[in-house]
Amino acid sequence: MLFLCERINYGVNIVSIKINNLHDLSFIARKVRKKQSLDQSTLGLLSGNGITFVSNFENGKETVEIGRVFKLLEMLGIDIYLDLPPSISQQEQAVLQDDVNNLADYSK
């Protein structure tokens, strides 16, 4: 089941869609790809993947590599956010965000 909501972030409307499984994610990615007038081959080239990978992902193949999926989503302009459970305090969330930012800096 997909769940849509709209939120405001820095004055820009951002549409959030709850993703329950790979099929949901690949469905949205395919719609965005088509809206951008990209074919699978072009998206594959732009994201460093091939047409077979794009096709497998869009068809919900469970064994697609997550790192390659992130590159594909990045090329489409799709960002991924996690909603943490309420048991994680604001302070803990800030620490986690700093840790993730440091990981990103380290991996460059």
Foldseek 3Di string as FASTA:
>chain_A
DKDWDWDADPNDIDIDIDDDALQSVLCVLVVLCVVVVHDLQRLCVQLVHHSVLNVCSNVRPPPRDPVSVVSSCVVSVHDDDDDDDPVQDPVNVVVVVVVVVVVVVVVD
